[in-house]
Amino acid sequence: AHLVAEWAVQRAFQTANVPEMAPAVAPPAGIDGFEYSAGGRAAWQADVVTFAQTYAKAARALTGNGQSFAMPELKFNRFERHGVTVLGVADLVAWNAATKHAVIGDYKFGRSPVGCGTGADPNEQVSAAAVLFDAQFANLGAQTFSLFVYQPRIRHGEAWQEIRSLDRAWLDTQAAKLDAERAAVALAADDVALGDTPT
């Protein structure tokens, strides 16, 4: 599903040389109630393409007017602080250079609700991705941030959840939270002797 989502994002953001047809994906084994027939597989492909196009178009709209570009599956550099290394991959970061607005998104294909949270209590995965993006691309001078989580197969609740136009003060708060978490991990590690089980 992520492969098709990446294809749809590249088309929505008009990346050059993107094939017109979506890549074919097979349904994973073990889906409850799924009919593993030719018809079932064709329906699966159609659903995955529809989900991906919805994801990509909504992300492009959230980026705002003007020229934007997308960085799907963006890997972040290794960031080390307090002796703790943070790594990560964002499903999508989109950037509008004119407005200095960054959109960070996560595409979830599972059924259990995840959610985007609120500005005060955001989804930790996407908020951390915003912090890592800003650190890695500080030269861009991002001023505002929007977050989203898209979960098209969610068991209950809204499939698309977003938080719009968060400012630098919000980002500074999230960066401080992430730093405090790394400091706590480092402190806990210092208290563990070889062979101990952390508590």
Protein backbone atom coordinates (compact mmCIF):
# COMPACT_ATOMS: atom_id res chain seq x y z
CA ALA A 1 0.00 0.00 0.00
CA HIS A 2 2.85 2.40 0.79
CA LEU A 3 4.36 1.81 -2.64
CA VAL A 4 1.10 2.86 -4.31
CA ALA A 5 0.79 5.82 -1.91
CA GLU A 6 4.26 7.01 -2.92
CA TRP A 7 3.25 6.75 -6.59
CA ALA A 8 0.07 8.78 -5.94
CA VAL A 9 2.00 11.46 -4.05
CA GLN A 10 4.46 11.86 -6.91
CA ARG A 11 1.57 12.30 -9.34
CA ALA A 12 -0.31 14.74 -7.10
CA PHE A 13 2.82 16.87 -6.71
CA GLN A 14 3.59 16.54 -10.45
CA THR A 15 6.96 14.88 -10.05
CA ALA A 16 8.58 14.22 -13.42
CA ASN A 17 8.53 10.80 -15.10
CA VAL A 18 5.89 9.16 -12.91
CA PRO A 19 4.13 6.25 -14.64
CA GLU A 20 0.45 6.73 -15.38
CA MET A 21 -0.45 3.33 -13.97
CA ALA A 22 -0.12 2.53 -10.29
CA PRO A 23 2.24 -0.28 -9.30
CA ALA A 24 0.48 -3.60 -8.75
CA VAL A 25 0.31 -4.81 -5.17
CA ALA A 26 -0.92 -8.13 -3.83
CA PRO A 27 -3.11 -8.36 -0.74
CA PRO A 28 -1.15 -9.68 2.24
CA ALA A 29 -1.90 -13.17 3.49
CA GLY A 30 -4.23 -13.69 6.41
CA ILE A 31 -6.81 -10.91 6.02
CA ASP A 32 -9.98 -12.01 7.84
CA GLY A 33 -12.89 -12.56 5.47
CA PHE A 34 -10.89 -11.70 2.35
CA GLU A 35 -11.64 -13.62 -0.85
CA TYR A 36 -8.30 -14.56 -2.40
CA SER A 37 -9.66 -14.87 -5.92
CA ALA A 38 -8.92 -12.94 -9.11
CA GLY A 39 -11.91 -10.71 -8.38
CA GLY A 40 -10.87 -10.20 -4.77
CA ARG A 41 -7.33 -9.28 -5.78
CA ALA A 42 -8.61 -6.84 -8.42
CA ALA A 43 -10.89 -5.19 -5.86
CA TRP A 44 -7.96 -4.94 -3.44
CA GLN A 45 -5.83 -3.18 -6.07
CA ALA A 46 -8.65 -0.77 -6.89
CA ASP A 47 -9.17 0.06 -3.19
CA VAL A 48 -5.45 0.58 -2.58
CA VAL A 49 -5.24 2.98 -5.55
CA THR A 50 -8.32 4.91 -4.38
CA PHE A 51 -6.93 5.19 -0.84
CA ALA A 52 -3.57 6.37 -2.18
CA GLN A 53 -5.12 9.01 -4.42
CA THR A 54 -7.24 10.34 -1.55
CA TYR A 55 -4.13 10.52 0.65
CA ALA A 56 -2.07 12.31 -1.99
CA LYS A 57 -4.72 14.84 -3.01
CA ALA A 58 -5.53 15.76 0.59
CA ALA A 59 -1.83 16.15 1.42
CA ARG A 60 -1.33 18.37 -1.64
CA ALA A 61 -4.30 20.54 -0.60
CA LEU A 62 -2.93 20.85 2.94
CA THR A 63 0.35 22.17 1.54
CA GLY A 64 -1.43 25.28 0.22
CA ASN A 65 -1.31 27.38 -2.93
CA GLY A 66 1.79 27.73 -5.03
CA GLN A 67 4.53 25.36 -6.03
CA SER A 68 5.20 22.60 -3.55
CA PHE A 69 7.26 19.48 -3.64
CA ALA A 70 6.97 16.18 -1.82
CA MET A 71 9.52 14.00 -0.07
CA PRO A 72 7.87 10.61 0.39
CA GLU A 73 9.55 8.11 2.70
CA LEU A 74 11.98 10.76 3.93
CA LYS A 75 14.77 9.27 6.03
CA PHE A 76 16.21 11.50 8.73
CA ASN A 77 19.86 11.70 9.62
CA ARG A 78 21.14 10.22 12.84
CA PHE A 79 20.63 12.78 15.61
CA GLU A 80 22.48 12.15 18.84
CA ARG A 81 21.97 13.99 22.10
CA HIS A 82 22.61 12.88 25.67
CA GLY A 83 24.22 9.82 24.09
CA VAL A 84 20.88 8.71 22.59
CA THR A 85 20.54 8.35 18.82
CA VAL A 86 17.24 9.15 17.13
CA LEU A 87 16.45 7.79 13.68
CA GLY A 88 13.27 8.00 11.69
CA VAL A 89 11.38 7.91 8.43
CA ALA A 90 8.39 10.10 7.60
CA ASP A 91 5.85 8.63 5.19
CA LEU A 92 5.51 12.09 3.69
CA VAL A 93 6.99 15.55 4.11
CA ALA A 94 5.68 18.19 1.72
CA TRP A 95 7.18 21.65 1.46
CA ASN A 96 5.80 24.95 0.21
CA ALA A 97 8.79 27.26 -0.27
CA ALA A 98 6.69 30.39 -0.83
CA THR A 99 4.89 30.14 2.50
CA LYS A 100 7.64 28.20 4.32
CA HIS A 101 5.03 25.67 5.34
CA ALA A 102 5.86 22.01 6.00
CA VAL A 103 3.32 19.20 6.00
CA ILE A 104 4.23 15.97 7.79
CA GLY A 105 2.02 12.94 7.28
CA ASP A 106 1.70 9.33 8.27
CA TYR A 107 -0.13 6.69 6.24
CA LYS A 108 -1.50 3.88 8.39
CA PHE A 109 -3.03 0.81 6.80
CA GLY A 110 -4.02 -1.03 9.96
CA ARG A 111 -7.49 -1.17 11.47
CA SER A 112 -6.90 -0.05 15.08
CA PRO A 113 -7.33 3.74 15.37
CA VAL A 114 -4.14 5.76 15.69
CA GLY A 115 -5.21 9.39 15.31
CA CYS A 116 -3.36 12.66 14.87
CA GLY A 117 -4.04 14.08 18.32
CA THR A 118 -4.21 17.81 19.01
CA GLY A 119 -1.77 20.67 18.88
CA ALA A 120 -1.24 20.36 22.63
CA ASP A 121 -1.00 16.57 22.53
CA PRO A 122 -0.08 15.49 19.00
CA ASN A 123 0.68 12.05 17.64
CA GLU A 124 4.27 11.55 18.81
CA GLN A 125 5.42 9.97 15.55
CA VAL A 126 4.41 12.88 13.33
CA SER A 127 5.39 15.59 15.83
CA ALA A 128 8.85 14.01 16.22
CA ALA A 129 9.12 13.87 12.42
CA ALA A 130 8.40 17.62 12.31
CA VAL A 131 11.21 18.25 14.80
CA LEU A 132 13.64 16.03 12.87
CA PHE A 133 12.68 17.62 9.55
CA ASP A 134 13.31 21.10 10.92
CA ALA A 135 16.67 20.05 12.36
CA GLN A 136 17.81 18.38 9.15
CA PHE A 137 16.56 21.16 6.87
CA ALA A 138 17.11 24.17 9.11
CA ASN A 139 18.31 26.12 6.08
CA LEU A 140 14.75 26.12 4.71
CA GLY A 141 13.50 28.24 7.60
CA ALA A 142 10.13 26.55 8.09
CA GLN A 143 7.64 28.87 9.83
CA THR A 144 4.48 26.77 10.08
CA PHE A 145 3.70 23.08 10.19
CA SER A 146 0.65 20.92 9.54
CA LEU A 147 0.36 17.29 10.61
CA PHE A 148 -1.93 14.53 9.39
CA VAL A 149 -2.62 10.85 9.81
CA TYR A 150 -4.54 8.98 7.14
CA GLN A 151 -5.89 5.55 8.03
CA PRO A 152 -8.33 4.47 5.31
CA ARG A 153 -9.12 1.04 6.81
CA ILE A 154 -9.72 2.38 10.33
CA ARG A 155 -12.18 0.27 12.34
CA HIS A 156 -13.99 3.33 13.73
CA GLY A 157 -13.43 7.07 13.69
CA GLU A 158 -12.29 9.46 10.99
CA ALA A 159 -9.87 8.11 8.38
CA TRP A 160 -8.30 11.55 7.75
CA GLN A 161 -7.17 13.57 10.76
CA GLU A 162 -5.14 16.77 10.59
CA ILE A 163 -3.77 19.62 12.68
CA ARG A 164 -3.21 22.82 10.68
CA SER A 165 -0.82 25.76 10.87
CA LEU A 166 1.25 25.07 13.96
CA ASP A 167 3.87 27.74 14.59
CA ARG A 168 7.53 27.83 15.62
CA ALA A 169 6.59 28.10 19.30
CA TRP A 170 4.73 24.79 18.95
CA LEU A 171 7.78 23.23 17.28
CA ASP A 172 10.08 24.49 20.04
CA THR A 173 7.80 22.84 22.61
CA GLN A 174 7.90 19.54 20.72
CA ALA A 175 11.68 19.73 20.34
CA ALA A 176 12.02 20.29 24.11
CA LYS A 177 9.76 17.29 24.79
CA LEU A 178 11.81 15.07 22.49
CA ASP A 179 15.03 16.28 24.10
CA ALA A 180 13.65 15.56 27.58
CA GLU A 181 12.67 12.06 26.52
CA ARG A 182 16.20 11.41 25.22
CA ALA A 183 17.68 12.75 28.46
CA ALA A 184 15.42 10.42 30.47
CA VAL A 185 16.49 7.43 28.36
CA ALA A 186 20.15 8.34 28.85
CA LEU A 187 19.66 8.72 32.62
CA ALA A 188 17.89 5.37 32.86
CA ALA A 189 20.69 3.72 30.86
CA ASP A 190 23.30 5.16 33.24
CA ASP A 191 21.51 3.52 36.17
CA VAL A 192 21.54 0.04 34.62
CA ALA A 193 24.53 -2.17 35.29
CA LEU A 194 25.56 -4.88 32.83
CA GLY A 195 23.18 -7.79 33.25
CA ASP A 196 20.45 -5.75 34.93
CA THR A 197 16.92 -5.66 33.60
CA PRO A 198 15.66 -2.08 33.11
CA THR A 199 12.52 -1.21 35.09
